[in-house]
Amino acid sequence: MIYLGRSIIDHHHYTTMTKTLEIDLRSAEGLKLNRRPIKKKTLCVVTIDEKSRNSNLDESRRSNPTWNYKSEIPINGNVRFITIEVFYRTGSGHQKKIGEAKIPTKDFMGRYSPEGHLNFLSYRLRDEFGDKCGIVNLSILVKSSTTAIRDYGACSSQAADTGLWRPRSETPSIDGYGGRIVTGVPVWGVYQRQF
């Protein structure tokens, strides 16, 4: 057994925290393609690690599509960002990207938005050149179920270093989001889920 800072590494196994996110890909605003309002069918994709969920296709051909696609996806302590991408459907049925936003997990996990609270978020989308191409709206609920996962030959300090489960005394950072990694400033709205 090796001690690394405050973390303990066991050569046999380690335990990481796994939670479930309930993500609702709601809508987008002002979608642009080549700086012009888009008039095509669109869909939204959320990716966490190597797991993805695709929304339904909005066929309105408007620059303000609505999806309201809700799904659940697991997340563990190694994940620092989730990716939201918006695509349009070509006449031949292919999908091409309009833009994306990378969202830090600390924006919706931790003391500022504890488990069981619904977070309404809006992020600026940027295209492959870094230009603004719209805003995506979504909500994220962190479910309270937690499980232990056993793995081999890895460092247990990774989960602690991500900041997904910080001490309750820590306040959230809402001023910066890692340069161009995340585009746009989120609109915070935290609501207690009604059961």
Foldseek 3Di string as FASTA:
>chain_A
DDDDPPFDDDQFKAKWKKWKKKKWFFKWAQFDDPNHWWQFKKKKWKAWPHDIDIFDIFGRRGSIGTTRDIDMDMHILLTFWMKMWMWGADPVGDTDTRFMFIGGLLVQAELVHHAQKKKKKKFFTAHPVRHTGIITIMIMHIHDDIDIDIDHDDTNCSSVVSPRYDPNVDDGDQPDDPPSNGGGGIDTDIGRDDD
